[in-house]
Amino acid sequence: MYRFLLTPRWFGINVFVLLAIPFCIFMGSWQLSRFEDRMTASRDAEQQVSTDEREAARPLAELLPVNKVTSGKQATATGRYDKQLLVPDRQLDDRDGYYVLTLLRTDSGKALPVVRGWLPGTPDPAKAPAAPKGEVTVTGALQASETPGDNGVSAQGGLPAGQTAAISAASLINLVPYGVYDAWVTLNTGDSGMKAVPATAPADSGLDLKAFQNLGYTGEWFVFAGFVVFMWFRLLRREVEFIRDAELGIVPDDEQQERDREQPQEKASA
């Protein structure tokens, strides 16, 4: 009864199944390994943030440009505080609030964005403490410029004067008449009674949407492998049922005619 498995049509089906199943399993395993790599990178990044806090601070110039290695490192810079801005829609300890961001004019002529702390509620310039006067030396965790719309950073436009949605050189350079470093620093200790903003792990090193996409693709590939096996058994069962029905003489005429046209071609090929 199962000699039909040796016909050209079924030979092609069998070859396809034998190739498709290992391919789907391989792709599913690869996507799973990508998810596990991102899990490991996320744990390592979180541990690195804690390690960086205990390291000695280094001059800002030695840590630029910011990358996955230097992000979170303790940096120090000297200058004078200049323009102050508020960064709305920032959460800390599950509370809504805003950052107080002040530009530090350095001897290089460029300004370093410094997050001096966080305050709860809606942005209010009257509640934001004024920056210290004169020359100051700041120490904090170095961070890469933010990208609006990524990692919870607002892409909102049309903010009131004195506010910025993202801490990035591209955004700040339009607000001040001097150059801005493509980086920023969050102070280890909040200034003037404000809460310090903790450093975050570098981009593409946490459990972001891409990581869960890899996990979703893993499931899809294994489902595809199961679907291939299911369809093969379904076709096999249908073929066996047809043969049995043919032996009993209960095959519909149109289906029998179609089979009769296929069989000579298969026999000729055999």
C-alpha atoms as a PDB file:
ATOM      1  CA  MET A   1       0.000   0.000   0.000  1.00  0.00           C
ATOM      2  CA  TYR A   2       2.858   2.385   0.737  1.00  0.00           C
ATOM      3  CA  ARG A   3       4.662   1.855  -2.570  1.00  0.00           C
ATOM      4  CA  PHE A   4       3.309   5.244  -3.667  1.00  0.00           C
ATOM      5  CA  LEU A   5       6.044   6.787  -1.484  1.00  0.00           C
ATOM      6  CA  LEU A   6       8.497   5.781  -4.224  1.00  0.00           C
ATOM      7  CA  THR A   7       6.712   7.722  -6.955  1.00  0.00           C
ATOM      8  CA  PRO A   8       8.374  10.925  -8.269  1.00  0.00           C
ATOM      9  CA  ARG A   9       5.704  13.138  -6.690  1.00  0.00           C
ATOM     10  CA  TRP A  10       6.192  11.657  -3.252  1.00  0.00           C
ATOM     11  CA  PHE A  11       9.953  11.533  -3.701  1.00  0.00           C
ATOM     12  CA  GLY A  12       9.880  15.317  -4.145  1.00  0.00           C
ATOM     13  CA  ILE A  13       7.631  15.739  -1.101  1.00  0.00           C
ATOM     14  CA  ASN A  14       9.892  13.558   1.047  1.00  0.00           C
ATOM     15  CA  VAL A  15      13.032  15.408  -0.006  1.00  0.00           C
ATOM     16  CA  PHE A  16      11.391  18.739   0.774  1.00  0.00           C
ATOM     17  CA  VAL A  17      10.360  17.516   4.245  1.00  0.00           C
ATOM     18  CA  LEU A  18      13.800  16.078   5.002  1.00  0.00           C
ATOM     19  CA  LEU A  19      15.408  19.390   4.073  1.00  0.00           C
ATOM     20  CA  ALA A  20      12.816  21.735   5.589  1.00  0.00           C
ATOM     21  CA  ILE A  21      12.735  20.234   9.095  1.00  0.00           C
ATOM     22  CA  PRO A  22      16.492  20.509   9.811  1.00  0.00           C
ATOM     23  CA  PHE A  23      16.517  24.000   8.282  1.00  0.00           C
ATOM     24  CA  CYS A  24      13.671  25.176  10.529  1.00  0.00           C
ATOM     25  CA  ILE A  25      15.307  23.642  13.598  1.00  0.00           C
ATOM     26  CA  PHE A  26      18.640  25.267  12.719  1.00  0.00           C
ATOM     27  CA  MET A  27      17.056  28.699  12.236  1.00  0.00           C
ATOM     28  CA  GLY A  28      15.059  28.360  15.455  1.00  0.00           C
ATOM     29  CA  SER A  29      18.179  27.360  17.387  1.00  0.00           C
ATOM     30  CA  TRP A  30      20.102  30.282  15.888  1.00  0.00           C
ATOM     31  CA  GLN A  31      17.407  32.780  16.875  1.00  0.00           C
ATOM     32  CA  LEU A  32      17.351  31.264  20.371  1.00  0.00           C
ATOM     33  CA  SER A  33      21.118  31.675  20.647  1.00  0.00           C
ATOM     34  CA  ARG A  34      20.737  35.332  19.627  1.00  0.00           C
ATOM     35  CA  PHE A  35      18.207  35.835  22.426  1.00  0.00           C
ATOM     36  CA  GLU A  36      20.503  34.126  24.929  1.00  0.00           C
ATOM     37  CA  ASP A  37      23.416  36.316  23.781  1.00  0.00           C
ATOM     38  CA  ARG A  38      21.308  39.419  24.428  1.00  0.00           C
ATOM     39  CA  MET A  39      20.345  38.049  27.855  1.00  0.00           C
ATOM     40  CA  THR A  40      24.024  37.580  28.675  1.00  0.00           C
ATOM     41  CA  ALA A  41      24.897  41.026  27.322  1.00  0.00           C
ATOM     42  CA  SER A  42      22.145  42.550  29.462  1.00  0.00           C
ATOM     43  CA  ARG A  43      23.462  40.901  32.643  1.00  0.00           C
ATOM     44  CA  ASP A  44      27.032  41.904  31.801  1.00  0.00           C
ATOM     45  CA  ALA A  45      25.977  45.498  31.103  1.00  0.00           C
ATOM     46  CA  GLU A  46      24.159  45.773  34.438  1.00  0.00           C
ATOM     47  CA  GLN A  47      27.176  44.355  36.264  1.00  0.00           C
ATOM     48  CA  GLN A  48      29.456  46.733  34.368  1.00  0.00           C
ATOM     49  CA  VAL A  49      27.405  49.747  35.498  1.00  0.00           C
ATOM     50  CA  SER A  50      27.945  48.717  39.121  1.00  0.00           C
ATOM     51  CA  THR A  51      31.648  48.133  38.501  1.00  0.00           C
ATOM     52  CA  ASP A  52      32.098  51.496  36.775  1.00  0.00           C
ATOM     53  CA  GLU A  53      30.686  53.309  39.813  1.00  0.00           C
ATOM     54  CA  ARG A  54      33.590  52.038  41.918  1.00  0.00           C
ATOM     55  CA  GLU A  55      36.300  52.960  39.413  1.00  0.00           C
ATOM     56  CA  ALA A  56      38.379  56.098  39.662  1.00  0.00           C
ATOM     57  CA  ALA A  57      37.156  58.980  37.519  1.00  0.00           C
ATOM     58  CA  ARG A  58      39.110  59.816  34.365  1.00  0.00           C
ATOM     59  CA  PRO A  59      39.273  63.074  32.398  1.00  0.00           C
ATOM     60  CA  LEU A  60      36.455  63.459  29.897  1.00  0.00           C
ATOM     61  CA  ALA A  61      38.802  63.679  26.908  1.00  0.00           C
ATOM     62  CA  GLU A  62      40.205  60.201  27.637  1.00  0.00           C
ATOM     63  CA  LEU A  63      36.761  58.581  27.402  1.00  0.00           C
ATOM     64  CA  LEU A  64      35.486  60.119  24.177  1.00  0.00           C
ATOM     65  CA  PRO A  65      33.900  59.139  21.879  1.00  0.00           C
ATOM     66  CA  VAL A  66      31.350  57.248  23.928  1.00  0.00           C
ATOM     67  CA  ASN A  67      30.955  53.569  23.025  1.00  0.00           C
ATOM     68  CA  LYS A  68      29.932  50.350  24.764  1.00  0.00           C
ATOM     69  CA  VAL A  69      33.282  50.235  26.564  1.00  0.00           C
ATOM     70  CA  THR A  70      33.338  53.818  27.871  1.00  0.00           C
ATOM     71  CA  SER A  71      29.603  54.242  28.481  1.00  0.00           C
ATOM     72  CA  GLY A  72      28.993  54.317  32.238  1.00  0.00           C
ATOM     73  CA  LYS A  73      32.622  55.070  33.079  1.00  0.00           C
ATOM     74  CA  GLN A  74      33.318  57.711  35.712  1.00  0.00           C
ATOM     75  CA  ALA A  75      34.298  60.958  34.004  1.00  0.00           C
ATOM     76  CA  THR A  76      35.442  64.274  35.378  1.00  0.00           C
ATOM     77  CA  ALA A  77      35.368  67.706  33.772  1.00  0.00           C
ATOM     78  CA  THR A  78      36.007  71.272  34.872  1.00  0.00           C
ATOM     79  CA  GLY A  79      34.256  74.407  33.699  1.00  0.00           C
ATOM     80  CA  ARG A  80      31.517  76.891  34.429  1.00  0.00           C
ATOM     81  CA  TYR A  81      27.803  76.170  34.363  1.00  0.00           C
ATOM     82  CA  ASP A  82      25.863  78.061  31.704  1.00  0.00           C
ATOM     83  CA  LYS A  83      22.398  77.460  30.235  1.00  0.00           C
ATOM     84  CA  GLN A  84      19.969  75.310  32.189  1.00  0.00           C
ATOM     85  CA  LEU A  85      17.222  73.170  30.624  1.00  0.00           C
ATOM     86  CA  LEU A  86      14.564  70.809  31.887  1.00  0.00           C
ATOM     87  CA  VAL A  87      13.988  67.349  30.421  1.00  0.00           C
ATOM     88  CA  PRO A  88      10.315  66.344  30.903  1.00  0.00           C
ATOM     89  CA  ASP A  89       8.668  62.909  31.115  1.00  0.00           C
ATOM     90  CA  ARG A  90      11.428  61.135  33.009  1.00  0.00           C
ATOM     91  CA  GLN A  91      10.604  58.484  35.604  1.00  0.00           C
ATOM     92  CA  LEU A  92      12.588  57.579  38.682  1.00  0.00           C
ATOM     93  CA  ASP A  93      11.472  55.051  41.296  1.00  0.00           C
ATOM     94  CA  ASP A  94       8.174  54.677  39.374  1.00  0.00           C
ATOM     95  CA  ARG A  95       7.400  58.360  39.785  1.00  0.00           C
ATOM     96  CA  ASP A  96       6.943  60.933  37.018  1.00  0.00           C
ATOM     97  CA  GLY A  97       9.279  63.877  36.977  1.00  0.00           C
ATOM     98  CA  TYR A  98      11.977  65.654  35.022  1.00  0.00           C
ATOM     99  CA  TYR A  99      15.737  66.031  34.791  1.00  0.00           C
ATOM    100  CA  VAL A 100      17.542  69.266  35.524  1.00  0.00           C
ATOM    101  CA  LEU A 101      20.154  69.572  32.783  1.00  0.00           C
ATOM    102  CA  THR A 102      22.850  72.266  32.864  1.00  0.00           C
ATOM    103  CA  LEU A 103      25.523  72.853  30.229  1.00  0.00           C
ATOM    104  CA  LEU A 104      29.054  73.008  31.585  1.00  0.00           C
ATOM    105  CA  ARG A 105      31.304  75.296  29.521  1.00  0.00           C
ATOM    106  CA  THR A 106      34.779  73.723  29.466  1.00  0.00           C
ATOM    107  CA  ASP A 107      38.160  75.181  28.513  1.00  0.00           C
ATOM    108  CA  SER A 108      37.884  73.445  25.122  1.00  0.00           C
ATOM    109  CA  GLY A 109      35.086  75.826  24.169  1.00  0.00           C
ATOM    110  CA  LYS A 110      32.523  73.032  24.035  1.00  0.00           C
ATOM    111  CA  ALA A 111      29.824  72.430  26.612  1.00  0.00           C
ATOM    112  CA  LEU A 112      29.200  69.162  28.431  1.00  0.00           C
ATOM    113  CA  PRO A 113      25.531  68.419  29.250  1.00  0.00           C
ATOM    114  CA  VAL A 114      25.350  67.580  32.960  1.00  0.00           C
ATOM    115  CA  VAL A 115      22.238  66.064  34.549  1.00  0.00           C
ATOM    116  CA  ARG A 116      22.461  67.537  38.029  1.00  0.00           C
ATOM    117  CA  GLY A 117      19.446  65.612  39.336  1.00  0.00           C
ATOM    118  CA  TRP A 118      15.770  64.668  39.121  1.00  0.00           C
ATOM    119  CA  LEU A 119      12.685  66.353  40.509  1.00  0.00           C
ATOM    120  CA  PRO A 120       9.123  64.978  40.744  1.00  0.00           C
ATOM    121  CA  GLY A 121       6.087  66.502  39.066  1.00  0.00           C
ATOM    122  CA  THR A 122       5.785  68.636  35.954  1.00  0.00           C
ATOM    123  CA  PRO A 123       8.728  70.735  34.784  1.00  0.00           C
ATOM    124  CA  ASP A 124       8.874  74.016  36.655  1.00  0.00           C
ATOM    125  CA  PRO A 125      11.855  76.366  36.189  1.00  0.00           C
ATOM    126  CA  ALA A 126      11.039  78.023  39.521  1.00  0.00           C
ATOM    127  CA  LYS A 127      11.563  74.721  41.390  1.00  0.00           C
ATOM    128  CA  ALA A 128      14.778  73.771  39.607  1.00  0.00           C
ATOM    129  CA  PRO A 129      17.776  74.789  41.757  1.00  0.00           C
ATOM    130  CA  ALA A 130      20.149  77.236  40.129  1.00  0.00           C
ATOM    131  CA  ALA A 131      23.565  75.913  39.171  1.00  0.00           C
ATOM    132  CA  PRO A 132      26.596  76.831  41.312  1.00  0.00           C
ATOM    133  CA  LYS A 133      28.513  79.935  40.253  1.00  0.00           C
ATOM    134  CA  GLY A 134      32.157  80.037  39.304  1.00  0.00           C
ATOM    135  CA  GLU A 135      34.440  77.223  38.226  1.00  0.00           C
ATOM    136  CA  VAL A 136      33.360  73.732  39.241  1.00  0.00           C
ATOM    137  CA  THR A 137      34.616  70.205  38.742  1.00  0.00           C
ATOM    138  CA  VAL A 138      31.949  67.589  38.133  1.00  0.00           C
ATOM    139  CA  THR A 139      32.211  63.819  38.429  1.00  0.00           C
ATOM    140  CA  GLY A 140      29.655  61.375  37.126  1.00  0.00           C
ATOM    141  CA  ALA A 141      28.802  58.511  34.818  1.00  0.00           C
ATOM    142  CA  LEU A 142      29.422  59.153  31.136  1.00  0.00           C
ATOM    143  CA  GLN A 143      26.442  58.481  28.865  1.00  0.00           C
ATOM    144  CA  ALA A 144      25.925  58.433  25.094  1.00  0.00           C
ATOM    145  CA  SER A 145      23.652  60.973  23.435  1.00  0.00           C
ATOM    146  CA  GLU A 146      20.034  59.884  23.423  1.00  0.00           C
ATOM    147  CA  THR A 147      18.011  59.168  20.306  1.00  0.00           C
ATOM    148  CA  PRO A 148      14.435  60.508  20.346  1.00  0.00           C
ATOM    149  CA  GLY A 149      11.922  57.661  20.207  1.00  0.00           C
ATOM    150  CA  ASP A 150      14.342  54.989  21.508  1.00  0.00           C
ATOM    151  CA  ASN A 151      14.471  53.371  24.964  1.00  0.00           C
ATOM    152  CA  GLY A 152      11.644  55.479  26.301  1.00  0.00           C
ATOM    153  CA  VAL A 153      13.142  58.791  25.185  1.00  0.00           C
ATOM    154  CA  SER A 154      10.360  61.135  24.129  1.00  0.00           C
ATOM    155  CA  ALA A 155      10.258  62.360  20.539  1.00  0.00           C
ATOM    156  CA  GLN A 156       7.795  65.101  21.441  1.00  0.00           C
ATOM    157  CA  GLY A 157       8.219  68.418  19.680  1.00  0.00           C
ATOM    158  CA  GLY A 158       6.940  71.886  20.366  1.00  0.00           C
ATOM    159  CA  LEU A 159       8.104  71.925  23.983  1.00  0.00           C
ATOM    160  CA  PRO A 160       8.061  75.189  25.939  1.00  0.00           C
ATOM    161  CA  ALA A 161      11.196  77.315  25.967  1.00  0.00           C
ATOM    162  CA  GLY A 162      13.787  75.982  28.367  1.00  0.00           C
ATOM    163  CA  GLN A 163      12.922  72.309  27.779  1.00  0.00           C
ATOM    164  CA  THR A 164      14.375  69.563  25.609  1.00  0.00           C
ATOM    165  CA  ALA A 165      12.961  66.089  24.979  1.00  0.00           C
ATOM    166  CA  ALA A 166      16.288  64.314  24.433  1.00  0.00           C
ATOM    167  CA  ILE A 167      19.771  64.791  25.814  1.00  0.00           C
ATOM    168  CA  SER A 168      21.723  64.830  22.603  1.00  0.00           C
ATOM    169  CA  ALA A 169      24.203  67.114  20.879  1.00  0.00           C
ATOM    170  CA  ALA A 170      21.936  67.232  17.819  1.00  0.00           C
ATOM    171  CA  SER A 171      19.113  68.707  19.915  1.00  0.00           C
ATOM    172  CA  LEU A 172      21.130  70.965  22.209  1.00  0.00           C
ATOM    173  CA  ILE A 173      23.308  72.545  19.548  1.00  0.00           C
ATOM    174  CA  ASN A 174      20.214  74.331  18.232  1.00  0.00           C
ATOM    175  CA  LEU A 175      19.601  75.883  21.662  1.00  0.00           C
ATOM    176  CA  VAL A 176      23.035  77.345  22.416  1.00  0.00           C
ATOM    177  CA  PRO A 177      25.538  79.382  20.353  1.00  0.00           C
ATOM    178  CA  TYR A 178      28.500  77.078  21.056  1.00  0.00           C
ATOM    179  CA  GLY A 179      29.519  73.484  20.452  1.00  0.00           C
ATOM    180  CA  VAL A 180      28.214  70.609  22.572  1.00  0.00           C
ATOM    181  CA  TYR A 181      29.941  67.314  23.329  1.00  0.00           C
ATOM    182  CA  ASP A 182      28.254  64.266  21.830  1.00  0.00           C
ATOM    183  CA  ALA A 183      27.884  62.836  25.332  1.00  0.00           C
ATOM    184  CA  TRP A 184      26.517  63.747  28.740  1.00  0.00           C
ATOM    185  CA  VAL A 185      27.217  63.077  32.394  1.00  0.00           C
ATOM    186  CA  THR A 186      24.865  62.251  35.261  1.00  0.00           C
ATOM    187  CA  LEU A 187      26.236  63.294  38.642  1.00  0.00           C
ATOM    188  CA  ASN A 188      26.869  60.577  41.196  1.00  0.00           C
ATOM    189  CA  THR A 189      25.261  62.729  43.877  1.00  0.00           C
ATOM    190  CA  GLY A 190      22.254  64.879  43.119  1.00  0.00           C
ATOM    191  CA  ASP A 191      23.007  68.605  43.272  1.00  0.00           C
ATOM    192  CA  SER A 192      21.140  70.935  45.651  1.00  0.00           C
ATOM    193  CA  GLY A 193      19.046  68.181  47.216  1.00  0.00           C
ATOM    194  CA  MET A 194      17.862  66.679  43.939  1.00  0.00           C
ATOM    195  CA  LYS A 195      17.858  62.909  43.391  1.00  0.00           C
ATOM    196  CA  ALA A 196      20.773  61.555  41.402  1.00  0.00           C
ATOM    197  CA  VAL A 197      19.868  59.973  38.067  1.00  0.00           C
ATOM    198  CA  PRO A 198      21.404  56.473  37.844  1.00  0.00           C
ATOM    199  CA  ALA A 199      23.502  55.567  34.839  1.00  0.00           C
ATOM    200  CA  THR A 200      22.007  53.260  32.251  1.00  0.00           C
ATOM    201  CA  ALA A 201      23.533  50.429  30.234  1.00  0.00           C
ATOM    202  CA  PRO A 202      24.756  51.175  26.697  1.00  0.00           C
ATOM    203  CA  ALA A 203      22.303  50.935  23.817  1.00  0.00           C
ATOM    204  CA  ASP A 204      21.740  47.478  22.259  1.00  0.00           C
ATOM    205  CA  SER A 205      22.949  45.731  25.409  1.00  0.00           C
ATOM    206  CA  GLY A 206      19.655  45.173  27.219  1.00  0.00           C
ATOM    207  CA  LEU A 207      16.435  43.220  26.804  1.00  0.00           C
ATOM    208  CA  ASP A 208      14.949  45.531  24.212  1.00  0.00           C
ATOM    209  CA  LEU A 209      12.429  44.869  21.463  1.00  0.00           C
ATOM    210  CA  LYS A 210      15.061  43.191  19.285  1.00  0.00           C
ATOM    211  CA  ALA A 211      15.735  40.590  21.962  1.00  0.00           C
ATOM    212  CA  PHE A 212      12.085  39.612  22.207  1.00  0.00           C
ATOM    213  CA  GLN A 213      11.842  39.593  18.412  1.00  0.00           C
ATOM    214  CA  ASN A 214      14.562  36.929  18.419  1.00  0.00           C
ATOM    215  CA  LEU A 215      12.527  34.941  20.945  1.00  0.00           C
ATOM    216  CA  GLY A 216       9.403  35.305  18.807  1.00  0.00           C
ATOM    217  CA  TYR A 217      11.272  34.175  15.673  1.00  0.00           C
ATOM    218  CA  THR A 218      12.507  31.142  17.615  1.00  0.00           C
ATOM    219  CA  GLY A 219       8.937  30.065  18.262  1.00  0.00           C
ATOM    220  CA  GLU A 220       7.934  30.704  14.646  1.00  0.00           C
ATOM    221  CA  TRP A 221      10.686  28.489  13.211  1.00  0.00           C
ATOM    222  CA  PHE A 222       9.832  25.595  15.522  1.00  0.00           C
ATOM    223  CA  VAL A 223       6.153  26.013  14.627  1.00  0.00           C
ATOM    224  CA  PHE A 224       7.110  25.859  10.940  1.00  0.00           C
ATOM    225  CA  ALA A 225       8.984  22.588  11.579  1.00  0.00           C
ATOM    226  CA  GLY A 226       5.941  21.123  13.318  1.00  0.00           C
ATOM    227  CA  PHE A 227       3.673  22.348  10.516  1.00  0.00           C
ATOM    228  CA  VAL A 228       5.829  20.592   7.894  1.00  0.00           C
ATOM    229  CA  VAL A 229       5.588  17.310   9.817  1.00  0.00           C
ATOM    230  CA  PHE A 230       1.830  17.769  10.279  1.00  0.00           C
ATOM    231  CA  MET A 231       1.251  18.416   6.567  1.00  0.00           C
ATOM    232  CA  TRP A 232       3.375  15.402   5.580  1.00  0.00           C
ATOM    233  CA  PHE A 233       1.310  13.070   7.775  1.00  0.00           C
ATOM    234  CA  ARG A 234      -1.886  14.667   6.516  1.00  0.00           C
ATOM    235  CA  LEU A 235      -0.902  14.104   2.880  1.00  0.00           C
ATOM    236  CA  LEU A 236       0.181  10.545   3.696  1.00  0.00           C
ATOM    237  CA  ARG A 237      -3.117   9.784   5.422  1.00  0.00           C
ATOM    238  CA  ARG A 238      -5.062  11.278   2.533  1.00  0.00           C
ATOM    239  CA  GLU A 239      -3.158   9.142   0.040  1.00  0.00           C
ATOM    240  CA  VAL A 240      -3.750   5.965   2.067  1.00  0.00           C
ATOM    241  CA  GLU A 241      -7.452   6.761   2.395  1.00  0.00           C
ATOM    242  CA  PHE A 242      -7.688   7.316  -1.342  1.00  0.00           C
ATOM    243  CA  ILE A 243      -6.102   3.937  -2.059  1.00  0.00           C
ATOM    244  CA  ARG A 244      -8.477   2.211   0.331  1.00  0.00           C
ATOM    245  CA  ASP A 245     -11.467   4.007  -1.169  1.00  0.00           C
ATOM    246  CA  ALA A 246     -10.289   3.022  -4.641  1.00  0.00           C
ATOM    247  CA  GLU A 247     -10.119  -0.617  -3.590  1.00  0.00           C
ATOM    248  CA  LEU A 248     -13.708  -0.333  -2.352  1.00  0.00           C
ATOM    249  CA  GLY A 249     -14.786   1.491  -5.495  1.00  0.00           C
ATOM    250  CA  ILE A 250     -16.031   4.614  -3.737  1.00  0.00           C
ATOM    251  CA  VAL A 251     -13.634   7.157  -5.221  1.00  0.00           C
ATOM    252  CA  PRO A 252     -15.392  10.175  -6.843  1.00  0.00           C
ATOM    253  CA  ASP A 253     -15.196  10.109 -10.653  1.00  0.00           C
ATOM    254  CA  ASP A 254     -13.467  13.479 -11.018  1.00  0.00           C
ATOM    255  CA  GLU A 255     -10.780  12.589  -8.468  1.00  0.00           C
ATOM    256  CA  GLN A 256     -10.284   9.156 -10.048  1.00  0.00           C
ATOM    257  CA  GLN A 257      -9.818  10.734 -13.484  1.00  0.00           C
ATOM    258  CA  GLU A 258      -7.248  13.126 -12.094  1.00  0.00           C
ATOM    259  CA  ARG A 259      -5.358  10.241 -10.466  1.00  0.00           C
ATOM    260  CA  ASP A 260      -5.495   8.243 -13.683  1.00  0.00           C
ATOM    261  CA  ARG A 261      -3.855  11.143 -15.512  1.00  0.00           C
ATOM    262  CA  GLU A 262      -1.091  11.385 -12.900  1.00  0.00           C
ATOM    263  CA  GLN A 263      -0.316   7.671 -12.630  1.00  0.00           C
ATOM    264  CA  PRO A 264       0.848   7.111 -16.238  1.00  0.00           C
ATOM    265  CA  GLN A 265       3.272  10.015 -15.866  1.00  0.00           C
ATOM    266  CA  GLU A 266       4.596   8.635 -12.595  1.00  0.00           C
ATOM    267  CA  LYS A 267       4.936   5.111 -14.039  1.00  0.00           C
ATOM    268  CA  ALA A 268       6.704   6.497 -17.092  1.00  0.00           C
ATOM    269  CA  SER A 269       9.139   8.407 -14.910  1.00  0.00           C
ATOM    270  CA  ALA A 270       9.699   5.338 -12.757  1.00  0.00           C
END
